[in-house]
Amino acid sequence: MVFGTVTPLDLSEGGAVISHENITGRRLLENELEKLAATDPLTGLPNRRYFFNMANVEFEKVRRFDAQASIIMMDVDAFKAVNDTHGHAGGDEVLRSTSRRCREMMRESDVFARFGGEEFVVLLPHTTAEAAAVVAELLRRTISENPVQVGENQIYVTASFGVSEILTDDVSIDAGLARADKALYEAKRSGRNCVR
């Protein structure tokens, strides 16, 4: 990519100085920095900031066009025990492996992001709460039935899920997230490894 500038000389004499600068390297660096700002470094998933950007776009579609969209909040159960037993390297591998498996099950239009710590969030455009609960149950079974291999150890983990539909009368995306978060904590209180 080349950036050009034209600088006029003395107006009475006419003429100009034309300069060109190859900005390909700079543009590639800017693109890489934008990607880093939107990506969780451990899992390679979109991060919380990227999720909110996409969720706000989807929220506007729900409000303006009466579209459907849902949110799944997911939390790896007893993650502190994983770290305590297998070390932080083991815990990191559990997060990487779990997120990779879940991401493979998503549609291209879905946004599966790391929300923080061992908590993840999924934005499902064109999806009712009932359909999102089916997706959450598939994710739950996949996680609980497939141990993570760390060295010679197999680490079995489970996850709890909260599901909420984004409603046309929600004031912001935060309302849908709050309902999903409340449902997630109901799942935790109900014994974990379930969908609410």
Protein backbone atom coordinates (compact mmCIF):
# COMPACT_ATOMS: atom_id res chain seq x y z
CA MET A 1 0.00 0.00 0.00
CA VAL A 2 1.40 3.36 -1.04
CA PHE A 3 0.45 6.71 0.45
CA GLY A 4 1.05 9.76 -1.70
CA THR A 5 1.13 13.47 -0.91
CA VAL A 6 1.22 16.49 -3.16
CA THR A 7 2.76 19.69 -1.77
CA PRO A 8 2.28 22.79 -3.94
CA LEU A 9 5.30 25.00 -4.57
CA ASP A 10 5.18 28.78 -4.79
CA LEU A 11 1.76 29.54 -6.34
CA SER A 12 3.19 32.19 -8.72
CA GLU A 13 5.57 29.67 -10.33
CA GLY A 14 3.28 26.61 -10.23
CA GLY A 15 4.47 23.06 -9.74
CA ALA A 16 4.39 20.70 -6.83
CA VAL A 17 6.45 18.15 -4.96
CA ILE A 18 4.99 14.66 -5.07
CA SER A 19 6.13 12.14 -2.50
CA HIS A 20 5.25 8.48 -2.02
CA GLU A 21 5.61 6.36 1.07
CA ASN A 22 5.08 2.63 1.30
CA ILE A 23 2.82 2.17 4.34
CA THR A 24 2.18 -1.55 3.95
CA GLY A 25 4.21 -2.40 7.06
CA ARG A 26 2.45 0.21 9.14
CA ARG A 27 -0.99 -0.95 7.96
CA LEU A 28 -0.12 -4.59 8.74
CA LEU A 29 1.01 -3.55 12.21
CA GLU A 30 -2.21 -1.57 12.78
CA ASN A 31 -4.26 -4.62 11.72
CA GLU A 32 -2.28 -6.84 14.09
CA LEU A 33 -2.77 -4.41 16.98
CA GLU A 34 -6.53 -4.27 16.30
CA LYS A 35 -6.64 -8.08 16.37
CA LEU A 36 -4.66 -8.22 19.63
CA ALA A 37 -6.99 -5.68 21.24
CA ALA A 38 -9.98 -7.92 20.46
CA THR A 39 -8.46 -11.32 21.32
CA ASP A 40 -7.93 -13.18 24.59
CA PRO A 41 -4.23 -14.15 24.60
CA LEU A 42 -4.69 -17.49 26.39
CA THR A 43 -7.54 -19.02 24.40
CA GLY A 44 -7.36 -17.08 21.14
CA LEU A 45 -11.08 -16.37 21.49
CA PRO A 46 -12.60 -12.94 21.15
CA ASN A 47 -12.33 -11.01 24.42
CA ARG A 48 -14.90 -9.21 26.51
CA ARG A 49 -14.48 -5.92 24.61
CA TYR A 50 -15.08 -7.59 21.25
CA PHE A 51 -18.10 -9.43 22.67
CA PHE A 52 -19.70 -6.17 23.83
CA ASN A 53 -19.10 -4.53 20.45
CA MET A 54 -20.83 -7.40 18.65
CA ALA A 55 -23.56 -7.80 21.28
CA ASN A 56 -24.50 -4.12 21.04
CA VAL A 57 -24.89 -4.47 17.27
CA GLU A 58 -27.12 -7.53 17.75
CA PHE A 59 -29.06 -5.74 20.50
CA GLU A 60 -29.93 -2.95 18.06
CA LYS A 61 -31.20 -5.53 15.54
CA VAL A 62 -33.45 -7.03 18.20
CA ARG A 63 -34.85 -3.64 19.17
CA ARG A 64 -35.22 -2.16 15.69
CA PHE A 65 -36.24 -5.20 13.64
CA ASP A 66 -37.78 -7.49 16.28
CA ALA A 67 -35.01 -10.01 15.56
CA GLN A 68 -34.20 -12.83 17.94
CA ALA A 69 -30.92 -13.36 19.76
CA SER A 70 -29.84 -15.12 22.92
CA ILE A 71 -26.94 -15.20 25.33
CA ILE A 72 -25.31 -18.16 27.06
CA MET A 73 -23.10 -17.58 30.09
CA MET A 74 -20.79 -20.51 30.89
CA ASP A 75 -18.53 -21.06 33.89
CA VAL A 76 -16.11 -23.98 34.33
CA ASP A 77 -17.07 -25.66 37.60
CA ALA A 78 -14.60 -25.91 40.49
CA PHE A 79 -11.84 -24.33 38.44
CA LYS A 80 -9.81 -23.34 41.51
CA ALA A 81 -9.52 -27.05 42.35
CA VAL A 82 -8.16 -27.72 38.84
CA ASN A 83 -5.47 -25.07 39.36
CA ASP A 84 -4.71 -26.34 42.88
CA THR A 85 -4.40 -29.97 41.72
CA HIS A 86 -2.76 -29.57 38.30
CA GLY A 87 -1.08 -26.16 38.56
CA HIS A 88 -1.74 -23.09 36.48
CA ALA A 89 -0.33 -24.75 33.36
CA GLY A 90 -2.93 -27.51 33.75
CA GLY A 91 -5.66 -24.95 34.35
CA ASP A 92 -4.58 -22.98 31.28
CA GLU A 93 -4.74 -26.11 29.15
CA VAL A 94 -8.23 -26.87 30.47
CA LEU A 95 -9.36 -23.39 29.40
CA ARG A 96 -7.69 -23.66 25.98
CA SER A 97 -9.02 -27.14 25.27
CA THR A 98 -12.52 -26.43 26.56
CA SER A 99 -12.80 -23.21 24.58
CA ARG A 100 -11.50 -24.90 21.41
CA ARG A 101 -14.08 -27.71 21.69
CA CYS A 102 -16.90 -25.27 22.28
CA ARG A 103 -15.84 -22.95 19.46
CA GLU A 104 -15.87 -25.88 17.02
CA MET A 105 -19.57 -26.39 17.82
CA MET A 106 -20.57 -22.78 17.09
CA ARG A 107 -21.98 -21.35 13.89
CA GLU A 108 -19.92 -18.79 11.99
CA SER A 109 -22.36 -16.06 13.06
CA ASP A 110 -22.10 -16.91 16.78
CA VAL A 111 -19.69 -15.03 19.03
CA PHE A 112 -18.01 -17.29 21.60
CA ALA A 113 -15.82 -15.14 23.85
CA ARG A 114 -13.83 -15.39 27.05
CA PHE A 115 -15.57 -13.11 29.52
CA GLY A 116 -12.95 -13.38 32.25
CA GLY A 117 -11.23 -16.06 34.33
CA GLU A 118 -13.03 -19.34 33.71
CA GLU A 119 -16.19 -17.65 32.46
CA PHE A 120 -17.25 -17.58 28.82
CA VAL A 121 -20.16 -16.00 26.98
CA VAL A 122 -21.90 -16.87 23.73
CA LEU A 123 -23.96 -14.53 21.57
CA LEU A 124 -26.38 -16.46 19.35
CA PRO A 125 -28.03 -14.30 16.67
CA HIS A 126 -31.38 -15.47 15.25
CA THR A 127 -31.86 -17.81 18.23
CA THR A 128 -34.63 -18.14 20.81
CA ALA A 129 -33.90 -18.92 24.45
CA GLU A 130 -35.25 -22.45 23.92
CA ALA A 131 -32.87 -23.09 21.01
CA ALA A 132 -30.00 -21.54 22.99
CA ALA A 133 -30.74 -23.93 25.87
CA VAL A 134 -30.35 -26.83 23.43
CA VAL A 135 -26.96 -25.44 22.36
CA ALA A 136 -25.93 -24.99 25.99
CA GLU A 137 -26.87 -28.59 26.77
CA LEU A 138 -24.75 -29.82 23.83
CA LEU A 139 -21.82 -27.77 25.11
CA ARG A 140 -22.36 -29.08 28.66
CA ARG A 141 -22.32 -32.71 27.51
CA THR A 142 -19.28 -32.18 25.28
CA ILE A 143 -17.31 -30.68 28.17
CA SER A 144 -18.33 -33.28 30.77
CA GLU A 145 -17.79 -36.28 28.46
CA ASN A 146 -14.37 -35.32 27.09
CA PRO A 147 -11.48 -35.08 29.55
CA VAL A 148 -8.61 -32.70 28.84
CA GLN A 149 -5.25 -34.37 28.33
CA VAL A 150 -2.46 -32.59 30.22
CA GLY A 151 0.78 -34.55 30.00
CA GLU A 152 -0.10 -38.01 31.25
CA ASN A 153 -3.14 -36.79 33.18
CA GLN A 154 -6.74 -36.68 32.05
CA ILE A 155 -8.60 -33.84 33.71
CA TYR A 156 -12.38 -34.17 33.88
CA VAL A 157 -14.25 -30.90 34.18
CA THR A 158 -17.84 -29.78 34.01
CA ALA A 159 -19.45 -26.42 33.37
CA SER A 160 -22.62 -24.61 34.39
CA PHE A 161 -24.72 -22.58 31.98
CA GLY A 162 -27.21 -19.71 32.14
CA VAL A 163 -29.34 -18.82 29.13
CA SER A 164 -31.32 -15.69 28.34
CA GLU A 165 -32.99 -14.22 25.30
CA ILE A 166 -32.38 -10.58 24.43
CA LEU A 167 -35.77 -8.85 24.65
CA THR A 168 -37.07 -5.96 22.56
CA ASP A 169 -37.89 -3.98 25.71
CA ASP A 170 -34.42 -4.41 27.26
CA VAL A 171 -32.79 -1.05 27.91
CA SER A 172 -29.34 -2.36 26.96
CA ILE A 173 -27.45 -5.59 26.33
CA ASP A 174 -26.65 -5.57 30.05
CA ALA A 175 -30.23 -6.62 30.84
CA GLY A 176 -29.89 -9.83 28.82
CA LEU A 177 -26.47 -10.49 30.33
CA ALA A 178 -27.84 -9.97 33.85
CA ARG A 179 -30.59 -12.54 33.24
CA ALA A 180 -28.08 -15.05 31.81
CA ASP A 181 -25.77 -14.43 34.76
CA LYS A 182 -28.62 -14.95 37.22
CA ALA A 183 -29.52 -18.22 35.46
CA LEU A 184 -25.85 -19.27 35.61
CA TYR A 185 -25.80 -18.79 39.38
CA GLU A 186 -29.03 -20.77 39.66
CA ALA A 187 -27.23 -23.58 37.81
CA LYS A 188 -24.33 -23.32 40.27
CA ARG A 189 -26.71 -23.45 43.24
CA SER A 190 -28.52 -26.43 41.70
CA GLY A 191 -25.42 -28.58 41.91
CA ARG A 192 -23.45 -27.41 38.85
CA ASN A 193 -23.00 -29.20 35.52
CA CYS A 194 -26.45 -28.10 34.31
CA VAL A 195 -28.26 -25.54 32.19
CA ARG A 196 -30.73 -22.99 33.56
